[in-house]
């Protein structure tokens, strides 16, 4: 009697498992891939940093801003940073540039340093 109850429970569990697995079958067609948004010109146009690439000269916050902007432009052109991150960092560089232009060099340089740190740049 115990053995037949065990067998009945086993069969019931096996049937439940098979029904659950049958529900996993997909009968509808997979959705068609959507066209990706157009990538702006310049993305991954270079495989490596071009020979002769040099960081801009300059001192103070203006030098910090122009050098980091050049690094980001190079990283975007070589495909090392995607568009959303490039835009986000670009917006933060623009804010620091605005603060620098208003005469607050220390704050602008600190903003550049914070952005670099946040995104893993030395």
PDB file of N, CA and C in Angstrom:
ATOM      1  N   UNK A   1       0.819  -1.184   0.000  1.00  0.00           N
ATOM      2  CA  UNK A   1       0.000   0.000   0.000  1.00  0.00           C
ATOM      3  C   UNK A   1       0.871   1.260   0.000  1.00  0.00           C
ATOM      4  N   UNK A   2       1.905   1.262   0.848  1.00  0.00           N
ATOM      5  CA  UNK A   2       2.783   2.430   0.890  1.00  0.00           C
ATOM      6  C   UNK A   2       3.477   2.638  -0.450  1.00  0.00           C
ATOM      7  N   UNK A   3       3.877   1.557  -1.044  1.00  0.00           N
ATOM      8  CA  UNK A   3       4.582   1.661  -2.313  1.00  0.00           C
ATOM      9  C   UNK A   3       3.661   2.216  -3.399  1.00  0.00           C
ATOM     10  N   UNK A   4       2.406   1.809  -3.421  1.00  0.00           N
ATOM     11  CA  UNK A   4       1.482   2.305  -4.443  1.00  0.00           C
ATOM     12  C   UNK A   4       1.170   3.782  -4.212  1.00  0.00           C
ATOM     13  N   UNK A   5       1.117   4.240  -2.924  1.00  0.00           N
ATOM     14  CA  UNK A   5       0.904   5.660  -2.650  1.00  0.00           C
ATOM     15  C   UNK A   5       2.110   6.472  -3.121  1.00  0.00           C
ATOM     16  N   UNK A   6       3.306   5.934  -2.874  1.00  0.00           N
ATOM     17  CA  UNK A   6       4.516   6.612  -3.312  1.00  0.00           C
ATOM     18  C   UNK A   6       4.543   6.705  -4.837  1.00  0.00           C
ATOM     19  N   UNK A   7       4.200   5.615  -5.508  1.00  0.00           N
ATOM     20  CA  UNK A   7       4.182   5.594  -6.965  1.00  0.00           C
ATOM     21  C   UNK A   7       3.147   6.569  -7.498  1.00  0.00           C
ATOM     22  N   UNK A   8       1.983   6.626  -6.876  1.00  0.00           N
ATOM     23  CA  UNK A   8       0.936   7.547  -7.316  1.00  0.00           C
ATOM     24  C   UNK A   8       1.390   8.998  -7.137  1.00  0.00           C
ATOM     25  N   UNK A   9       2.011   9.296  -6.011  1.00  0.00           N
ATOM     26  CA  UNK A   9       2.498  10.662  -5.775  1.00  0.00           C
ATOM     27  C   UNK A   9       3.610  11.014  -6.768  1.00  0.00           C
ATOM     28  N   UNK A  10       4.476  10.043  -7.020  1.00  0.00           N
ATOM     29  CA  UNK A  10       5.556  10.276  -7.972  1.00  0.00           C
ATOM     30  C   UNK A  10       4.994  10.571  -9.359  1.00  0.00           C
ATOM     31  N   UNK A  11       4.010   9.783  -9.766  1.00  0.00           N
ATOM     32  CA  UNK A  11       3.398   9.995 -11.081  1.00  0.00           C
ATOM     33  C   UNK A  11       2.707  11.350 -11.147  1.00  0.00           C
ATOM     34  N   UNK A  12       2.032  11.744 -10.076  1.00  0.00           N
ATOM     35  CA  UNK A  12       1.352  13.032 -10.032  1.00  0.00           C
ATOM     36  C   UNK A  12       2.372  14.173 -10.130  1.00  0.00           C
ATOM     37  N   UNK A  13       3.475  14.045  -9.403  1.00  0.00           N
ATOM     38  CA  UNK A  13       4.520  15.070  -9.447  1.00  0.00           C
ATOM     39  C   UNK A  13       5.149  15.136 -10.837  1.00  0.00           C
ATOM     40  N   UNK A  14       5.366  13.975 -11.456  1.00  0.00           N
ATOM     41  CA  UNK A  14       5.951  13.940 -12.793  1.00  0.00           C
ATOM     42  C   UNK A  14       5.016  14.596 -13.802  1.00  0.00           C
ATOM     43  N   UNK A  15       3.716  14.330 -13.684  1.00  0.00           N
ATOM     44  CA  UNK A  15       2.742  14.952 -14.592  1.00  0.00           C
ATOM     45  C   UNK A  15       2.724  16.467 -14.406  1.00  0.00           C
ATOM     46  N   UNK A  16       2.759  16.915 -13.156  1.00  0.00           N
ATOM     47  CA  UNK A  16       2.761  18.354 -12.887  1.00  0.00           C
ATOM     48  C   UNK A  16       4.005  19.006 -13.481  1.00  0.00           C
ATOM     49  N   UNK A  17       5.141  18.343 -13.350  1.00  0.00           N
ATOM     50  CA  UNK A  17       6.381  18.866 -13.903  1.00  0.00           C
ATOM     51  C   UNK A  17       6.307  18.943 -15.425  1.00  0.00           C
ATOM     52  N   UNK A  18       5.776  17.907 -16.050  1.00  0.00           N
ATOM     53  CA  UNK A  18       5.656  17.907 -17.508  1.00  0.00           C
ATOM     54  C   UNK A  18       4.719  19.005 -17.989  1.00  0.00           C
ATOM     55  N   UNK A  19       3.622  19.217 -17.266  1.00  0.00           N
ATOM     56  CA  UNK A  19       2.705  20.294 -17.640  1.00  0.00           C
ATOM     57  C   UNK A  19       3.378  21.658 -17.496  1.00  0.00           C
ATOM     58  N   UNK A  20       4.141  21.812 -16.435  1.00  0.00           N
ATOM     59  CA  UNK A  20       4.842  23.080 -16.237  1.00  0.00           C
ATOM     60  C   UNK A  20       5.853  23.317 -17.356  1.00  0.00           C
ATOM     61  N   UNK A  21       6.574  22.273 -17.735  1.00  0.00           N
ATOM     62  CA  UNK A  21       7.547  22.410 -18.814  1.00  0.00           C
ATOM     63  C   UNK A  21       6.867  22.649 -20.154  1.00  0.00           C
ATOM     64  N   UNK A  22       5.710  22.053 -20.349  1.00  0.00           N
ATOM     65  CA  UNK A  22       4.982  22.257 -21.600  1.00  0.00           C
ATOM     66  C   UNK A  22       4.552  23.710 -21.730  1.00  0.00           C
ATOM     67  N   UNK A  23       4.300  24.361 -20.613  1.00  0.00           N
ATOM     68  CA  UNK A  23       3.923  25.768 -20.641  1.00  0.00           C
ATOM     69  C   UNK A  23       5.068  26.665 -21.061  1.00  0.00           C
ATOM     70  N   UNK A  24       6.277  26.153 -21.038  1.00  0.00           N
ATOM     71  CA  UNK A  24       7.442  26.957 -21.409  1.00  0.00           C
ATOM     72  C   UNK A  24       7.641  27.023 -22.915  1.00  0.00           C
ATOM     73  N   UNK A  25       6.960  26.179 -23.662  1.00  0.00           N
ATOM     74  CA  UNK A  25       7.124  26.200 -25.112  1.00  0.00           C
ATOM     75  C   UNK A  25       6.578  27.499 -25.660  1.00  0.00           C
ATOM     76  N   UNK A  26       7.335  28.134 -26.517  1.00  0.00           N
ATOM     77  CA  UNK A  26       6.929  29.396 -27.100  1.00  0.00           C
ATOM     78  C   UNK A  26       6.345  29.116 -28.472  1.00  0.00           C
ATOM     79  N   UNK A  27       5.096  29.508 -28.667  1.00  0.00           N
ATOM     80  CA  UNK A  27       4.468  29.283 -29.960  1.00  0.00           C
ATOM     81  C   UNK A  27       4.435  30.553 -30.786  1.00  0.00           C
ATOM     82  N   UNK A  28       4.496  31.713 -30.144  1.00  0.00           N
ATOM     83  CA  UNK A  28       4.495  32.967 -30.885  1.00  0.00           C
ATOM     84  C   UNK A  28       5.888  33.214 -31.450  1.00  0.00           C
ATOM     85  N   UNK A  29       5.928  33.933 -32.555  1.00  0.00           N
ATOM     86  CA  UNK A  29       7.221  34.248 -33.144  1.00  0.00           C
ATOM     87  C   UNK A  29       7.921  35.299 -32.297  1.00  0.00           C
ATOM     88  N   UNK A  30       9.219  35.218 -32.291  1.00  0.00           N
ATOM     89  CA  UNK A  30      10.018  36.192 -31.550  1.00  0.00           C
ATOM     90  C   UNK A  30       9.852  37.563 -32.195  1.00  0.00           C
ATOM     91  N   UNK A  31       9.857  38.624 -31.395  1.00  0.00           N
ATOM     92  CA  UNK A  31       9.732  39.961 -31.974  1.00  0.00           C
ATOM     93  C   UNK A  31      10.928  40.277 -32.864  1.00  0.00           C
ATOM     94  N   UNK A  32      10.668  41.037 -33.898  1.00  0.00           N
ATOM     95  CA  UNK A  32      11.727  41.426 -34.819  1.00  0.00           C
ATOM     96  C   UNK A  32      12.628  42.450 -34.142  1.00  0.00           C
ATOM     97  N   UNK A  33      13.920  42.377 -34.367  1.00  0.00           N
ATOM     98  CA  UNK A  33      14.820  43.357 -33.755  1.00  0.00           C
ATOM     99  C   UNK A  33      14.506  44.762 -34.261  1.00  0.00           C
ATOM    100  N   UNK A  34      14.584  45.713 -33.341  1.00  0.00           N
ATOM    101  CA  UNK A  34      14.338  47.103 -33.686  1.00  0.00           C
ATOM    102  C   UNK A  34      15.620  47.712 -34.236  1.00  0.00           C
ATOM    103  N   UNK A  35      15.456  48.627 -35.151  1.00  0.00           N
ATOM    104  CA  UNK A  35      16.621  49.322 -35.686  1.00  0.00           C
ATOM    105  C   UNK A  35      17.213  50.191 -34.589  1.00  0.00           C
ATOM    106  N   UNK A  36      18.502  50.137 -34.448  1.00  0.00           N
ATOM    107  CA  UNK A  36      19.176  50.937 -33.425  1.00  0.00           C
ATOM    108  C   UNK A  36      19.158  52.400 -33.834  1.00  0.00           C
ATOM    109  N   UNK A  37      19.152  53.255 -32.837  1.00  0.00           N
ATOM    110  CA  UNK A  37      19.209  54.683 -33.114  1.00  0.00           C
ATOM    111  C   UNK A  37      20.515  54.981 -33.845  1.00  0.00           C
ATOM    112  N   UNK A  38      20.444  55.926 -34.726  1.00  0.00           N
ATOM    113  CA  UNK A  38      21.628  56.272 -35.501  1.00  0.00           C
ATOM    114  C   UNK A  38      22.747  56.734 -34.576  1.00  0.00           C
ATOM    115  N   UNK A  39      23.905  56.195 -34.791  1.00  0.00           N
ATOM    116  CA  UNK A  39      25.068  56.580 -34.001  1.00  0.00           C
ATOM    117  C   UNK A  39      25.689  57.805 -34.647  1.00  0.00           C
ATOM    118  N   UNK A  40      25.976  58.821 -33.856  1.00  0.00           N
ATOM    119  CA  UNK A  40      26.586  60.013 -34.444  1.00  0.00           C
ATOM    120  C   UNK A  40      27.906  59.677 -35.119  1.00  0.00           C
ATOM    121  N   UNK A  41      28.222  60.441 -36.122  1.00  0.00           N
ATOM    122  CA  UNK A  41      29.493  60.240 -36.817  1.00  0.00           C
ATOM    123  C   UNK A  41      30.626  60.394 -35.819  1.00  0.00           C
ATOM    124  N   UNK A  42      31.605  59.593 -35.955  1.00  0.00           N
ATOM    125  CA  UNK A  42      32.760  59.676 -35.086  1.00  0.00           C
ATOM    126  C   UNK A  42      32.884  58.509 -34.138  1.00  0.00           C
ATOM    127  N   UNK A  43      31.780  57.792 -33.884  1.00  0.00           N
ATOM    128  CA  UNK A  43      31.859  56.690 -32.932  1.00  0.00           C
ATOM    129  C   UNK A  43      32.659  55.552 -33.531  1.00  0.00           C
ATOM    130  N   UNK A  44      33.678  55.140 -32.833  1.00  0.00           N
ATOM    131  CA  UNK A  44      34.532  54.013 -33.210  1.00  0.00           C
ATOM    132  C   UNK A  44      35.073  54.152 -34.633  1.00  0.00           C
ATOM    133  N   UNK A  45      35.389  55.383 -35.017  1.00  0.00           N
ATOM    134  CA  UNK A  45      35.971  55.584 -36.340  1.00  0.00           C
ATOM    135  C   UNK A  45      37.452  55.245 -36.360  1.00  0.00           C
ATOM    136  N   UNK A  46      38.056  55.192 -35.205  1.00  0.00           N
ATOM    137  CA  UNK A  46      39.465  54.834 -35.083  1.00  0.00           C
ATOM    138  C   UNK A  46      39.562  53.567 -34.249  1.00  0.00           C
ATOM    139  N   UNK A  47      40.440  52.679 -34.627  1.00  0.00           N
ATOM    140  CA  UNK A  47      40.612  51.465 -33.839  1.00  0.00           C
ATOM    141  C   UNK A  47      41.518  51.727 -32.640  1.00  0.00           C
ATOM    142  N   UNK A  48      42.490  52.565 -32.838  1.00  0.00           N
ATOM    143  CA  UNK A  48      43.441  52.921 -31.789  1.00  0.00           C
ATOM    144  C   UNK A  48      43.567  54.434 -31.756  1.00  0.00           C
ATOM    145  N   UNK A  49      44.118  54.920 -30.664  1.00  0.00           N
ATOM    146  CA  UNK A  49      44.400  56.349 -30.585  1.00  0.00           C
ATOM    147  C   UNK A  49      45.350  56.698 -31.722  1.00  0.00           C
ATOM    148  N   UNK A  50      45.001  57.710 -32.525  1.00  0.00           N
ATOM    149  CA  UNK A  50      45.839  58.029 -33.680  1.00  0.00           C
ATOM    150  C   UNK A  50      47.251  58.456 -33.273  1.00  0.00           C
ATOM    151  N   UNK A  51      48.192  58.130 -34.123  1.00  0.00           N
ATOM    152  CA  UNK A  51      49.573  58.557 -33.885  1.00  0.00           C
ATOM    153  C   UNK A  51      49.596  60.078 -33.860  1.00  0.00           C
ATOM    154  N   UNK A  52      50.369  60.620 -32.975  1.00  0.00           N
ATOM    155  CA  UNK A  52      50.467  62.069 -32.892  1.00  0.00           C
ATOM    156  C   UNK A  52      49.433  62.699 -31.968  1.00  0.00           C
ATOM    157  N   UNK A  53      48.576  61.870 -31.366  1.00  0.00           N
ATOM    158  CA  UNK A  53      47.587  62.419 -30.432  1.00  0.00           C
ATOM    159  C   UNK A  53      48.323  63.039 -29.253  1.00  0.00           C
ATOM    160  N   UNK A  54      47.982  64.262 -28.934  1.00  0.00           N
ATOM    161  CA  UNK A  54      48.600  64.941 -27.793  1.00  0.00           C
ATOM    162  C   UNK A  54      47.514  65.663 -27.020  1.00  0.00           C
ATOM    163  N   UNK A  55      47.635  65.631 -25.728  1.00  0.00           N
ATOM    164  CA  UNK A  55      46.680  66.348 -24.890  1.00  0.00           C
ATOM    165  C   UNK A  55      46.932  67.848 -25.006  1.00  0.00           C
ATOM    166  N   UNK A  56      45.867  68.626 -24.961  1.00  0.00           N
ATOM    167  CA  UNK A  56      46.032  70.082 -25.043  1.00  0.00           C
ATOM    168  C   UNK A  56      46.833  70.618 -23.859  1.00  0.00           C
ATOM    169  N   UNK A  57      47.562  71.672 -24.113  1.00  0.00           N
ATOM    170  CA  UNK A  57      48.279  72.365 -23.043  1.00  0.00           C
ATOM    171  C   UNK A  57      47.306  73.293 -22.339  1.00  0.00           C
ATOM    172  N   UNK A  58      47.728  73.812 -21.254  1.00  0.00           N
ATOM    173  CA  UNK A  58      46.904  74.759 -20.510  1.00  0.00           C
ATOM    174  C   UNK A  58      47.057  74.499 -19.034  1.00  0.00           C
ATOM    175  N   UNK A  59      46.733  75.507 -18.280  1.00  0.00           N
ATOM    176  CA  UNK A  59      46.849  75.362 -16.836  1.00  0.00           C
ATOM    177  C   UNK A  59      45.516  75.680 -16.184  1.00  0.00           C
ATOM    178  N   UNK A  60      45.442  75.379 -14.917  1.00  0.00           N
ATOM    179  CA  UNK A  60      44.229  75.671 -14.163  1.00  0.00           C
ATOM    180  C   UNK A  60      43.042  74.879 -14.665  1.00  0.00           C
ATOM    181  N   UNK A  61      41.880  75.415 -14.395  1.00  0.00           N
ATOM    182  CA  UNK A  61      40.657  74.687 -14.746  1.00  0.00           C
ATOM    183  C   UNK A  61      40.475  74.568 -16.252  1.00  0.00           C
ATOM    184  N   UNK A  62      40.914  75.587 -17.014  1.00  0.00           N
ATOM    185  CA  UNK A  62      40.749  75.510 -18.467  1.00  0.00           C
ATOM    186  C   UNK A  62      41.574  74.372 -19.048  1.00  0.00           C
ATOM    187  N   UNK A  63      42.759  74.158 -18.511  1.00  0.00           N
ATOM    188  CA  UNK A  63      43.582  73.028 -18.939  1.00  0.00           C
ATOM    189  C   UNK A  63      42.955  71.701 -18.555  1.00  0.00           C
ATOM    190  N   UNK A  64      42.409  71.633 -17.332  1.00  0.00           N
ATOM    191  CA  UNK A  64      41.740  70.405 -16.883  1.00  0.00           C
ATOM    192  C   UNK A  64      40.561  70.064 -17.785  1.00  0.00           C
ATOM    193  N   UNK A  65      39.763  71.090 -18.094  1.00  0.00           N
ATOM    194  CA  UNK A  65      38.575  70.885 -18.935  1.00  0.00           C
ATOM    195  C   UNK A  65      38.981  70.441 -20.336  1.00  0.00           C
ATOM    196  N   UNK A  66      39.923  71.152 -20.948  1.00  0.00           N
ATOM    197  CA  UNK A  66      40.281  70.828 -22.336  1.00  0.00           C
ATOM    198  C   UNK A  66      40.959  69.463 -22.447  1.00  0.00           C
ATOM    199  N   UNK A  67      41.786  69.102 -21.460  1.00  0.00           N
ATOM    200  CA  UNK A  67      42.438  67.782 -21.508  1.00  0.00           C
ATOM    201  C   UNK A  67      41.423  66.650 -21.340  1.00  0.00           C
ATOM    202  N   UNK A  68      40.505  66.795 -20.387  1.00  0.00           N
ATOM    203  CA  UNK A  68      39.525  65.725 -20.179  1.00  0.00           C
ATOM    204  C   UNK A  68      38.573  65.627 -21.366  1.00  0.00           C
ATOM    205  N   UNK A  69      38.229  66.773 -21.957  1.00  0.00           N
ATOM    206  CA  UNK A  69      37.378  66.754 -23.155  1.00  0.00           C
ATOM    207  C   UNK A  69      38.092  66.018 -24.292  1.00  0.00           C
ATOM    208  N   UNK A  70      39.399  66.218 -24.444  1.00  0.00           N
ATOM    209  CA  UNK A  70      40.171  65.534 -25.493  1.00  0.00           C
ATOM    210  C   UNK A  70      40.236  64.030 -25.233  1.00  0.00           C
ATOM    211  N   UNK A  71      40.423  63.643 -23.971  1.00  0.00           N
ATOM    212  CA  UNK A  71      40.452  62.216 -23.618  1.00  0.00           C
ATOM    213  C   UNK A  71      39.110  61.576 -23.945  1.00  0.00           C
ATOM    214  N   UNK A  72      38.018  62.249 -23.591  1.00  0.00           N
ATOM    215  CA  UNK A  72      36.689  61.686 -23.844  1.00  0.00           C
ATOM    216  C   UNK A  72      36.409  61.594 -25.339  1.00  0.00           C
ATOM    217  N   UNK A  73      36.804  62.602 -26.086  1.00  0.00           N
ATOM    218  CA  UNK A  73      36.612  62.562 -27.536  1.00  0.00           C
ATOM    219  C   UNK A  73      37.372  61.382 -28.137  1.00  0.00           C
ATOM    220  N   UNK A  74      38.595  61.176 -27.685  1.00  0.00           N
ATOM    221  CA  UNK A  74      39.393  60.049 -28.166  1.00  0.00           C
ATOM    222  C   UNK A  74      38.752  58.718 -27.771  1.00  0.00           C
ATOM    223  N   UNK A  75      38.291  58.615 -26.539  1.00  0.00           N
ATOM    224  CA  UNK A  75      37.660  57.367 -26.096  1.00  0.00           C
ATOM    225  C   UNK A  75      36.389  57.076 -26.879  1.00  0.00           C
ATOM    226  N   UNK A  76      35.647  58.105 -27.227  1.00  0.00           N
ATOM    227  CA  UNK A  76      34.437  57.911 -28.028  1.00  0.00           C
ATOM    228  C   UNK A  76      34.808  57.480 -29.448  1.00  0.00           C
ATOM    229  N   UNK A  77      35.794  58.135 -30.032  1.00  0.00           N
ATOM    230  CA  UNK A  77      36.196  57.817 -31.405  1.00  0.00           C
ATOM    231  C   UNK A  77      36.782  56.420 -31.531  1.00  0.00           C
ATOM    232  N   UNK A  78      37.379  55.908 -30.459  1.00  0.00           N
ATOM    233  CA  UNK A  78      37.955  54.565 -30.507  1.00  0.00           C
ATOM    234  C   UNK A  78      36.981  53.503 -30.001  1.00  0.00           C
ATOM    235  N   UNK A  79      35.772  53.922 -29.633  1.00  0.00           N
ATOM    236  CA  UNK A  79      34.757  52.967 -29.197  1.00  0.00           C
ATOM    237  C   UNK A  79      34.934  52.483 -27.773  1.00  0.00           C
ATOM    238  N   UNK A  80      35.710  53.190 -26.980  1.00  0.00           N
ATOM    239  CA  UNK A  80      35.948  52.772 -25.601  1.00  0.00           C
ATOM    240  C   UNK A  80      34.917  53.296 -24.616  1.00  0.00           C
ATOM    241  N   UNK A  81      34.002  54.118 -25.079  1.00  0.00           N
ATOM    242  CA  UNK A  81      32.924  54.619 -24.227  1.00  0.00           C
ATOM    243  C   UNK A  81      31.683  54.714 -25.109  1.00  0.00           C
ATOM    244  N   UNK A  82      30.534  54.299 -24.568  1.00  0.00           N
ATOM    245  CA  UNK A  82      29.325  54.335 -25.391  1.00  0.00           C
ATOM    246  C   UNK A  82      28.698  55.726 -25.369  1.00  0.00           C
ATOM    247  N   UNK A  83      27.721  55.941 -26.232  1.00  0.00           N
ATOM    248  CA  UNK A  83      27.145  57.262 -26.439  1.00  0.00           C
ATOM    249  C   UNK A  83      26.505  57.827 -25.181  1.00  0.00           C
ATOM    250  N   UNK A  84      25.760  57.019 -24.437  1.00  0.00           N
ATOM    251  CA  UNK A  84      25.075  57.558 -23.258  1.00  0.00           C
ATOM    252  C   UNK A  84      26.079  58.032 -22.208  1.00  0.00           C
ATOM    253  N   UNK A  85      27.142  57.280 -22.003  1.00  0.00           N
ATOM    254  CA  UNK A  85      28.172  57.690 -21.041  1.00  0.00           C
ATOM    255  C   UNK A  85      28.920  58.911 -21.574  1.00  0.00           C
ATOM    256  N   UNK A  86      29.209  58.915 -22.859  1.00  0.00           N
ATOM    257  CA  UNK A  86      29.890  60.054 -23.480  1.00  0.00           C
ATOM    258  C   UNK A  86      29.085  61.335 -23.290  1.00  0.00           C
ATOM    259  N   UNK A  87      27.781  61.250 -23.506  1.00  0.00           N
ATOM    260  CA  UNK A  87      26.924  62.433 -23.332  1.00  0.00           C
ATOM    261  C   UNK A  87      26.861  62.864 -21.872  1.00  0.00           C
ATOM    262  N   UNK A  88      26.771  61.904 -20.975  1.00  0.00           N
ATOM    263  CA  UNK A  88      26.696  62.227 -19.554  1.00  0.00           C
ATOM    264  C   UNK A  88      27.988  62.910 -19.091  1.00  0.00           C
ATOM    265  N   UNK A  89      29.116  62.347 -19.470  1.00  0.00           N
ATOM    266  CA  UNK A  89      30.393  62.954 -19.091  1.00  0.00           C
ATOM    267  C   UNK A  89      30.545  64.316 -19.769  1.00  0.00           C
ATOM    268  N   UNK A  90      30.129  64.404 -21.033  1.00  0.00           N
ATOM    269  CA  UNK A  90      30.203  65.681 -21.747  1.00  0.00           C
ATOM    270  C   UNK A  90      29.406  66.776 -21.057  1.00  0.00           C
ATOM    271  N   UNK A  91      28.227  66.412 -20.546  1.00  0.00           N
ATOM    272  CA  UNK A  91      27.407  67.393 -19.826  1.00  0.00           C
ATOM    273  C   UNK A  91      28.113  67.849 -18.552  1.00  0.00           C
ATOM    274  N   UNK A  92      28.765  66.926 -17.870  1.00  0.00           N
ATOM    275  CA  UNK A  92      29.487  67.293 -16.647  1.00  0.00           C
ATOM    276  C   UNK A  92      30.721  68.137 -16.969  1.00  0.00           C
ATOM    277  N   UNK A  93      31.379  67.854 -18.076  1.00  0.00           N
ATOM    278  CA  UNK A  93      32.512  68.687 -18.500  1.00  0.00           C
ATOM    279  C   UNK A  93      32.015  70.090 -18.841  1.00  0.00           C
ATOM    280  N   UNK A  94      30.878  70.176 -19.532  1.00  0.00           N
ATOM    281  CA  UNK A  94      30.309  71.484 -19.876  1.00  0.00           C
ATOM    282  C   UNK A  94      29.983  72.298 -18.625  1.00  0.00           C
ATOM    283  N   UNK A  95      29.446  71.637 -17.600  1.00  0.00           N
ATOM    284  CA  UNK A  95      29.150  72.341 -16.346  1.00  0.00           C
ATOM    285  C   UNK A  95      30.436  72.868 -15.717  1.00  0.00           C
ATOM    286  N   UNK A  96      31.466  72.043 -15.691  1.00  0.00           N
ATOM    287  CA  UNK A  96      32.747  72.476 -15.127  1.00  0.00           C
ATOM    288  C   UNK A  96      33.336  73.618 -15.947  1.00  0.00           C
ATOM    289  N   UNK A  97      33.178  73.561 -17.264  1.00  0.00           N
ATOM    290  CA  UNK A  97      33.669  74.627 -18.136  1.00  0.00           C
ATOM    291  C   UNK A  97      32.953  75.940 -17.819  1.00  0.00           C
ATOM    292  N   UNK A  98      31.654  75.873 -17.585  1.00  0.00           N
ATOM    293  CA  UNK A  98      30.865  77.063 -17.242  1.00  0.00           C
ATOM    294  C   UNK A  98      31.336  77.651 -15.909  1.00  0.00           C
ATOM    295  N   UNK A  99      31.557  76.780 -14.922  1.00  0.00           N
ATOM    296  CA  UNK A  99      32.041  77.234 -13.613  1.00  0.00           C
ATOM    297  C   UNK A  99      33.432  77.852 -13.765  1.00  0.00           C
ATOM    298  N   UNK A 100      34.268  77.248 -14.592  1.00  0.00           N
ATOM    299  CA  UNK A 100      35.615  77.770 -14.837  1.00  0.00           C
ATOM    300  C   UNK A 100      35.535  79.164 -15.469  1.00  0.00           C
ATOM    301  N   UNK A 101      34.664  79.311 -16.462  1.00  0.00           N
ATOM    302  CA  UNK A 101      34.516  80.596 -17.148  1.00  0.00           C
ATOM    303  C   UNK A 101      33.992  81.683 -16.214  1.00  0.00           C
ATOM    304  N   UNK A 102      33.252  81.279 -15.180  1.00  0.00           N
ATOM    305  CA  UNK A 102      32.729  82.272 -14.235  1.00  0.00           C
ATOM    306  C   UNK A 102      33.779  82.678 -13.205  1.00  0.00           C
ATOM    307  N   UNK A 103      34.967  82.077 -13.268  1.00  0.00           N
ATOM    308  CA  UNK A 103      36.058  82.494 -12.405  1.00  0.00           C
ATOM    309  C   UNK A 103      36.324  81.613 -11.205  1.00  0.00           C
ATOM    310  N   UNK A 104      35.609  80.522 -11.059  1.00  0.00           N
ATOM    311  CA  UNK A 104      35.814  79.645  -9.907  1.00  0.00           C
ATOM    312  C   UNK A 104      36.658  78.442 -10.336  1.00  0.00           C
ATOM    313  N   UNK A 105      37.941  78.678 -10.469  1.00  0.00           N
ATOM    314  CA  UNK A 105      38.862  77.665 -10.975  1.00  0.00           C
ATOM    315  C   UNK A 105      38.940  76.434 -10.079  1.00  0.00           C
ATOM    316  N   UNK A 106      39.000  76.652  -8.773  1.00  0.00           N
ATOM    317  CA  UNK A 106      39.137  75.520  -7.847  1.00  0.00           C
ATOM    318  C   UNK A 106      37.919  74.602  -7.916  1.00  0.00           C
ATOM    319  N   UNK A 107      36.725  75.190  -7.956  1.00  0.00           N
ATOM    320  CA  UNK A 107      35.513  74.368  -8.019  1.00  0.00           C
ATOM    321  C   UNK A 107      35.440  73.617  -9.349  1.00  0.00           C
ATOM    322  N   UNK A 108      35.793  74.286 -10.444  1.00  0.00           N
ATOM    323  CA  UNK A 108      35.750  73.642 -11.760  1.00  0.00           C
ATOM    324  C   UNK A 108      36.726  72.464 -11.823  1.00  0.00           C
ATOM    325  N   UNK A 109      37.931  72.659 -11.310  1.00  0.00           N
ATOM    326  CA  UNK A 109      38.908  71.565 -11.297  1.00  0.00           C
ATOM    327  C   UNK A 109      38.435  70.421 -10.417  1.00  0.00           C
ATOM    328  N   UNK A 110      37.791  70.754  -9.300  1.00  0.00           N
ATOM    329  CA  UNK A 110      37.242  69.716  -8.419  1.00  0.00           C
ATOM    330  C   UNK A 110      36.117  68.957  -9.118  1.00  0.00           C
ATOM    331  N   UNK A 111      35.312  69.662  -9.907  1.00  0.00           N
ATOM    332  CA  UNK A 111      34.227  69.002 -10.651  1.00  0.00           C
ATOM    333  C   UNK A 111      34.798  68.019 -11.672  1.00  0.00           C
ATOM    334  N   UNK A 112      35.849  68.435 -12.376  1.00  0.00           N
ATOM    335  CA  UNK A 112      36.494  67.545 -13.350  1.00  0.00           C
ATOM    336  C   UNK A 112      37.062  66.327 -12.634  1.00  0.00           C
ATOM    337  N   UNK A 113      37.731  66.549 -11.519  1.00  0.00           N
ATOM    338  CA  UNK A 113      38.301  65.440 -10.748  1.00  0.00           C
ATOM    339  C   UNK A 113      37.198  64.478 -10.287  1.00  0.00           C
ATOM    340  N   UNK A 114      36.069  65.018  -9.822  1.00  0.00           N
ATOM    341  CA  UNK A 114      34.960  64.177  -9.352  1.00  0.00           C
ATOM    342  C   UNK A 114      34.374  63.356 -10.497  1.00  0.00           C
ATOM    343  N   UNK A 115      34.216  63.969 -11.665  1.00  0.00           N
ATOM    344  CA  UNK A 115      33.678  63.244 -12.825  1.00  0.00           C
ATOM    345  C   UNK A 115      34.635  62.137 -13.248  1.00  0.00           C
ATOM    346  N   UNK A 116      35.916  62.444 -13.287  1.00  0.00           N
ATOM    347  CA  UNK A 116      36.902  61.429 -13.654  1.00  0.00           C
ATOM    348  C   UNK A 116      36.861  60.261 -12.674  1.00  0.00           C
ATOM    349  N   UNK A 117      36.792  60.573 -11.410  1.00  0.00           N
ATOM    350  CA  UNK A 117      36.756  59.530 -10.382  1.00  0.00           C
ATOM    351  C   UNK A 117      35.485  58.693 -10.492  1.00  0.00           C
ATOM    352  N   UNK A 118      34.368  59.349 -10.733  1.00  0.00           N
ATOM    353  CA  UNK A 118      33.075  58.658 -10.831  1.00  0.00           C
ATOM    354  C   UNK A 118      33.056  57.654 -11.981  1.00  0.00           C
ATOM    355  N   UNK A 119      33.720  57.988 -13.079  1.00  0.00           N
ATOM    356  CA  UNK A 119      33.698  57.128 -14.259  1.00  0.00           C
ATOM    357  C   UNK A 119      34.977  56.311 -14.431  1.00  0.00           C
ATOM    358  N   UNK A 120      35.846  56.324 -13.428  1.00  0.00           N
ATOM    359  CA  UNK A 120      37.015  55.455 -13.452  1.00  0.00           C
ATOM    360  C   UNK A 120      38.198  55.970 -14.235  1.00  0.00           C
ATOM    361  N   UNK A 121      38.279  57.277 -14.414  1.00  0.00           N
ATOM    362  CA  UNK A 121      39.437  57.854 -15.096  1.00  0.00           C
ATOM    363  C   UNK A 121      40.446  58.308 -14.052  1.00  0.00           C
ATOM    364  N   UNK A 122      41.737  58.115 -14.320  1.00  0.00           N
ATOM    365  CA  UNK A 122      42.754  58.524 -13.337  1.00  0.00           C
ATOM    366  C   UNK A 122      42.904  60.038 -13.273  1.00  0.00           C
TER     367      UNK A 122
END
